[in-house]
Amino acid sequence: MRITLCGSIAFIDEMDAIRKTLESLGHEVKLPPLQIVSEDGTMMPVKKYYAIRKSAADDAEWIWKKKAEAMHNHFDKVAWSEVILVCNYDKNGIAGYIGANTLLEMGLAFHLKKPIYLLNPLPEVSYTEEILGIWPTVIDGDLKRI
């Protein structure tokens, strides 16, 4: 099966481990990039970019162009996939965190009529109703349930 992993870049190491497990089960897997091209043209770990972006000014053109590029690229991965798996770990004191960008990716998968799996239970956030409305399947960490 073709699976795209979605989730916060804060979880990129966990997503990479899940990728390896799913590939060992015979699936094709895409996830956000582990590295990106920096402003000076060299490769940088995506977690470093994520840290820079978190403190960037609204007019930091390079940062926001990279963000837009990453969003477009990941939307393409969602469209390529047969299903998406949302890697929703604890973050910012929220169990099963799903951020705004991941919610957008889930919305795209929903619109494209692709099954949506959540690795962990739904978070308790102001938009839980929207998550429930796209009818994801919670797999409670069991990758064989995909």
C-alpha atoms as a PDB file:
ATOM      1  CA  MET A   1       0.000   0.000   0.000  1.00  0.00           C
ATOM      2  CA  ARG A   2       1.132   3.607  -0.611  1.00  0.00           C
ATOM      3  CA  ILE A   3       1.132   5.462   2.704  1.00  0.00           C
ATOM      4  CA  THR A   4       1.970   9.090   3.455  1.00  0.00           C
ATOM      5  CA  LEU A   5       2.920   9.988   7.003  1.00  0.00           C
ATOM      6  CA  CYS A   6       1.674  13.318   8.328  1.00  0.00           C
ATOM      7  CA  GLY A   7       2.498  15.093  11.556  1.00  0.00           C
ATOM      8  CA  SER A   8       4.499  17.835  13.165  1.00  0.00           C
ATOM      9  CA  ILE A   9       8.132  18.130  12.102  1.00  0.00           C
ATOM     10  CA  ALA A  10       8.829  17.867  15.836  1.00  0.00           C
ATOM     11  CA  PHE A  11       8.004  14.156  15.318  1.00  0.00           C
ATOM     12  CA  ILE A  12      10.243  13.608  12.258  1.00  0.00           C
ATOM     13  CA  ASP A  13      12.481  11.063  14.014  1.00  0.00           C
ATOM     14  CA  GLU A  14       9.460   9.037  15.089  1.00  0.00           C
ATOM     15  CA  MET A  15       7.992   9.266  11.583  1.00  0.00           C
ATOM     16  CA  ASP A  16      11.246   8.005  10.085  1.00  0.00           C
ATOM     17  CA  ALA A  17      11.183   5.004  12.441  1.00  0.00           C
ATOM     18  CA  ILE A  18       7.561   4.300  11.466  1.00  0.00           C
ATOM     19  CA  ARG A  19       8.548   4.583   7.789  1.00  0.00           C
ATOM     20  CA  LYS A  20      11.164   1.888   8.265  1.00  0.00           C
ATOM     21  CA  THR A  21       8.689  -0.411  10.028  1.00  0.00           C
ATOM     22  CA  LEU A  22       6.001   0.080   7.377  1.00  0.00           C
ATOM     23  CA  GLU A  23       8.514  -0.528   4.585  1.00  0.00           C
ATOM     24  CA  SER A  24       9.567  -3.768   6.297  1.00  0.00           C
ATOM     25  CA  LEU A  25       5.888  -4.770   6.103  1.00  0.00           C
ATOM     26  CA  GLY A  26       5.966  -4.195   2.322  1.00  0.00           C
ATOM     27  CA  HIS A  27       4.404  -0.717   2.089  1.00  0.00           C
ATOM     28  CA  GLU A  28       5.663   2.261   0.064  1.00  0.00           C
ATOM     29  CA  VAL A  29       5.965   5.224   2.404  1.00  0.00           C
ATOM     30  CA  LYS A  30       6.494   8.969   2.015  1.00  0.00           C
ATOM     31  CA  LEU A  31       7.033  11.453   4.825  1.00  0.00           C
ATOM     32  CA  PRO A  32       8.214  15.032   5.206  1.00  0.00           C
ATOM     33  CA  PRO A  33      11.865  15.505   4.185  1.00  0.00           C
ATOM     34  CA  LEU A  34      14.593  14.788   6.713  1.00  0.00           C
ATOM     35  CA  GLN A  35      16.700  17.616   5.236  1.00  0.00           C
ATOM     36  CA  ILE A  36      16.000  20.763   3.251  1.00  0.00           C
ATOM     37  CA  VAL A  37      18.078  23.197   1.238  1.00  0.00           C
ATOM     38  CA  SER A  38      19.030  26.131   3.449  1.00  0.00           C
ATOM     39  CA  GLU A  39      19.149  29.794   2.461  1.00  0.00           C
ATOM     40  CA  ASP A  40      22.823  29.448   1.474  1.00  0.00           C
ATOM     41  CA  GLY A  41      22.179  26.359  -0.675  1.00  0.00           C
ATOM     42  CA  THR A  42      23.554  23.750   1.713  1.00  0.00           C
ATOM     43  CA  MET A  43      21.534  20.915   3.202  1.00  0.00           C
ATOM     44  CA  MET A  44      20.235  21.319   6.739  1.00  0.00           C
ATOM     45  CA  PRO A  45      18.270  18.950   8.980  1.00  0.00           C
ATOM     46  CA  VAL A  46      14.580  19.745   8.793  1.00  0.00           C
ATOM     47  CA  LYS A  47      14.462  19.989  12.590  1.00  0.00           C
ATOM     48  CA  LYS A  48      16.969  22.874  12.418  1.00  0.00           C
ATOM     49  CA  TYR A  49      14.784  24.643   9.849  1.00  0.00           C
ATOM     50  CA  TYR A  50      11.759  23.981  12.090  1.00  0.00           C
ATOM     51  CA  ALA A  51      13.528  25.651  15.048  1.00  0.00           C
ATOM     52  CA  ILE A  52      14.510  28.664  12.903  1.00  0.00           C
ATOM     53  CA  ARG A  53      10.964  28.943  11.535  1.00  0.00           C
ATOM     54  CA  LYS A  54       9.426  28.950  15.007  1.00  0.00           C
ATOM     55  CA  SER A  55      11.210  32.217  15.804  1.00  0.00           C
ATOM     56  CA  ALA A  56      11.156  33.778  12.321  1.00  0.00           C
ATOM     57  CA  ALA A  57       9.647  37.168  11.602  1.00  0.00           C
ATOM     58  CA  ASP A  58       6.582  37.421   9.399  1.00  0.00           C
ATOM     59  CA  ASP A  59       8.704  39.023   6.654  1.00  0.00           C
ATOM     60  CA  ALA A  60      11.432  36.329   6.636  1.00  0.00           C
ATOM     61  CA  GLU A  61      10.863  35.593   2.959  1.00  0.00           C
ATOM     62  CA  TRP A  62      13.155  32.559   2.636  1.00  0.00           C
ATOM     63  CA  ILE A  63      11.527  30.845   5.632  1.00  0.00           C
ATOM     64  CA  TRP A  64       7.958  31.288   4.391  1.00  0.00           C
ATOM     65  CA  LYS A  65       8.786  30.358   0.799  1.00  0.00           C
ATOM     66  CA  LYS A  66      10.287  27.111   2.125  1.00  0.00           C
ATOM     67  CA  LYS A  67       7.161  26.557   4.227  1.00  0.00           C
ATOM     68  CA  ALA A  68       4.899  27.027   1.189  1.00  0.00           C
ATOM     69  CA  GLU A  69       7.110  24.722  -0.897  1.00  0.00           C
ATOM     70  CA  ALA A  70       7.015  22.067   1.833  1.00  0.00           C
ATOM     71  CA  MET A  71       3.224  22.307   2.058  1.00  0.00           C
ATOM     72  CA  HIS A  72       2.800  21.897  -1.715  1.00  0.00           C
ATOM     73  CA  ASN A  73       5.212  18.960  -1.761  1.00  0.00           C
ATOM     74  CA  HIS A  74       3.451  17.211   1.095  1.00  0.00           C
ATOM     75  CA  PHE A  75       0.032  17.763  -0.463  1.00  0.00           C
ATOM     76  CA  ASP A  76       1.412  15.979  -3.536  1.00  0.00           C
ATOM     77  CA  LYS A  77       2.447  13.091  -1.285  1.00  0.00           C
ATOM     78  CA  VAL A  78      -1.056  12.929   0.193  1.00  0.00           C
ATOM     79  CA  ALA A  79      -2.515  12.822  -3.339  1.00  0.00           C
ATOM     80  CA  TRP A  80      -0.046  10.028  -4.292  1.00  0.00           C
ATOM     81  CA  SER A  81      -0.964   7.870  -1.316  1.00  0.00           C
ATOM     82  CA  GLU A  82      -3.743   5.374  -0.869  1.00  0.00           C
ATOM     83  CA  VAL A  83      -4.034   6.272   2.837  1.00  0.00           C
ATOM     84  CA  ILE A  84      -2.460   8.691   5.271  1.00  0.00           C
ATOM     85  CA  LEU A  85      -1.192   7.928   8.746  1.00  0.00           C
ATOM     86  CA  VAL A  86      -1.157  10.855  11.144  1.00  0.00           C
ATOM     87  CA  CYS A  87       1.661  10.506  13.657  1.00  0.00           C
ATOM     88  CA  ASN A  88       0.059  12.328  16.536  1.00  0.00           C
ATOM     89  CA  TYR A  89       2.261  12.214  19.614  1.00  0.00           C
ATOM     90  CA  ASP A  90       2.158  14.436  22.685  1.00  0.00           C
ATOM     91  CA  LYS A  91       3.297  18.025  22.142  1.00  0.00           C
ATOM     92  CA  ASN A  92       2.811  21.346  23.917  1.00  0.00           C
ATOM     93  CA  GLY A  93       1.004  19.572  26.762  1.00  0.00           C
ATOM     94  CA  ILE A  94      -1.574  18.110  24.338  1.00  0.00           C
ATOM     95  CA  ALA A  95      -1.920  14.335  24.125  1.00  0.00           C
ATOM     96  CA  GLY A  96      -2.177  13.159  20.503  1.00  0.00           C
ATOM     97  CA  TYR A  97      -1.323  16.619  19.127  1.00  0.00           C
ATOM     98  CA  ILE A  98      -2.535  17.473  15.627  1.00  0.00           C
ATOM     99  CA  GLY A  99      -1.440  20.906  14.460  1.00  0.00           C
ATOM    100  CA  ALA A 100      -2.910  23.210  11.857  1.00  0.00           C
ATOM    101  CA  ASN A 101      -0.735  21.993   8.984  1.00  0.00           C
ATOM    102  CA  THR A 102      -1.528  18.347   9.713  1.00  0.00           C
ATOM    103  CA  LEU A 103      -5.210  19.230   9.903  1.00  0.00           C
ATOM    104  CA  LEU A 104      -4.903  20.760   6.405  1.00  0.00           C
ATOM    105  CA  GLU A 105      -3.313  17.532   5.133  1.00  0.00           C
ATOM    106  CA  MET A 106      -6.083  15.502   6.730  1.00  0.00           C
ATOM    107  CA  GLY A 107      -8.646  17.767   5.074  1.00  0.00           C
ATOM    108  CA  LEU A 108      -7.042  17.158   1.693  1.00  0.00           C
ATOM    109  CA  ALA A 109      -7.028  13.389   2.244  1.00  0.00           C
ATOM    110  CA  PHE A 110     -10.680  13.573   3.292  1.00  0.00           C
ATOM    111  CA  HIS A 111     -11.563  15.564   0.178  1.00  0.00           C
ATOM    112  CA  LEU A 112      -9.714  13.031  -1.987  1.00  0.00           C
ATOM    113  CA  LYS A 113     -11.650  10.230  -0.228  1.00  0.00           C
ATOM    114  CA  LYS A 114      -8.553   8.581   1.205  1.00  0.00           C
ATOM    115  CA  PRO A 115      -8.699   6.657   4.482  1.00  0.00           C
ATOM    116  CA  ILE A 116      -7.135   8.544   7.381  1.00  0.00           C
ATOM    117  CA  TYR A 117      -5.485   6.727  10.266  1.00  0.00           C
ATOM    118  CA  LEU A 118      -4.380   8.270  13.559  1.00  0.00           C
ATOM    119  CA  LEU A 119      -1.519   6.572  15.354  1.00  0.00           C
ATOM    120  CA  ASN A 120      -2.855   7.665  18.749  1.00  0.00           C
ATOM    121  CA  PRO A 121      -6.223   8.840  20.113  1.00  0.00           C
ATOM    122  CA  LEU A 122      -7.649  12.209  19.102  1.00  0.00           C
ATOM    123  CA  PRO A 123      -6.410  15.306  20.893  1.00  0.00           C
ATOM    124  CA  GLU A 124      -8.718  17.439  22.988  1.00  0.00           C
ATOM    125  CA  VAL A 125      -8.467  20.724  21.073  1.00  0.00           C
ATOM    126  CA  SER A 126     -10.837  23.423  19.860  1.00  0.00           C
ATOM    127  CA  TYR A 127     -11.106  21.655  16.473  1.00  0.00           C
ATOM    128  CA  THR A 128     -11.740  18.091  17.690  1.00  0.00           C
ATOM    129  CA  GLU A 129     -15.153  18.238  15.997  1.00  0.00           C
ATOM    130  CA  GLU A 130     -13.486  18.847  12.637  1.00  0.00           C
ATOM    131  CA  ILE A 131     -11.201  15.860  13.201  1.00  0.00           C
ATOM    132  CA  LEU A 132     -14.204  13.702  14.127  1.00  0.00           C
ATOM    133  CA  GLY A 133     -16.044  14.964  11.035  1.00  0.00           C
ATOM    134  CA  ILE A 134     -13.458  13.470   8.701  1.00  0.00           C
ATOM    135  CA  TRP A 135     -13.915  10.109  10.387  1.00  0.00           C
ATOM    136  CA  PRO A 136     -10.342   8.932  11.048  1.00  0.00           C
ATOM    137  CA  THR A 137      -9.544   5.457  12.321  1.00  0.00           C
ATOM    138  CA  VAL A 138      -7.486   5.373  15.515  1.00  0.00           C
ATOM    139  CA  ILE A 139      -5.018   2.470  15.428  1.00  0.00           C
ATOM    140  CA  ASP A 140      -3.585   2.886  18.964  1.00  0.00           C
ATOM    141  CA  GLY A 141      -0.002   2.442  17.778  1.00  0.00           C
ATOM    142  CA  ASP A 142      -0.685  -0.850  15.952  1.00  0.00           C
ATOM    143  CA  LEU A 143       0.683  -0.345  12.415  1.00  0.00           C
ATOM    144  CA  LYS A 144      -0.761  -3.667  11.281  1.00  0.00           C
ATOM    145  CA  ARG A 145      -4.250  -2.129  11.597  1.00  0.00           C
ATOM    146  CA  ILE A 146      -3.668  -0.002   8.501  1.00  0.00           C
END
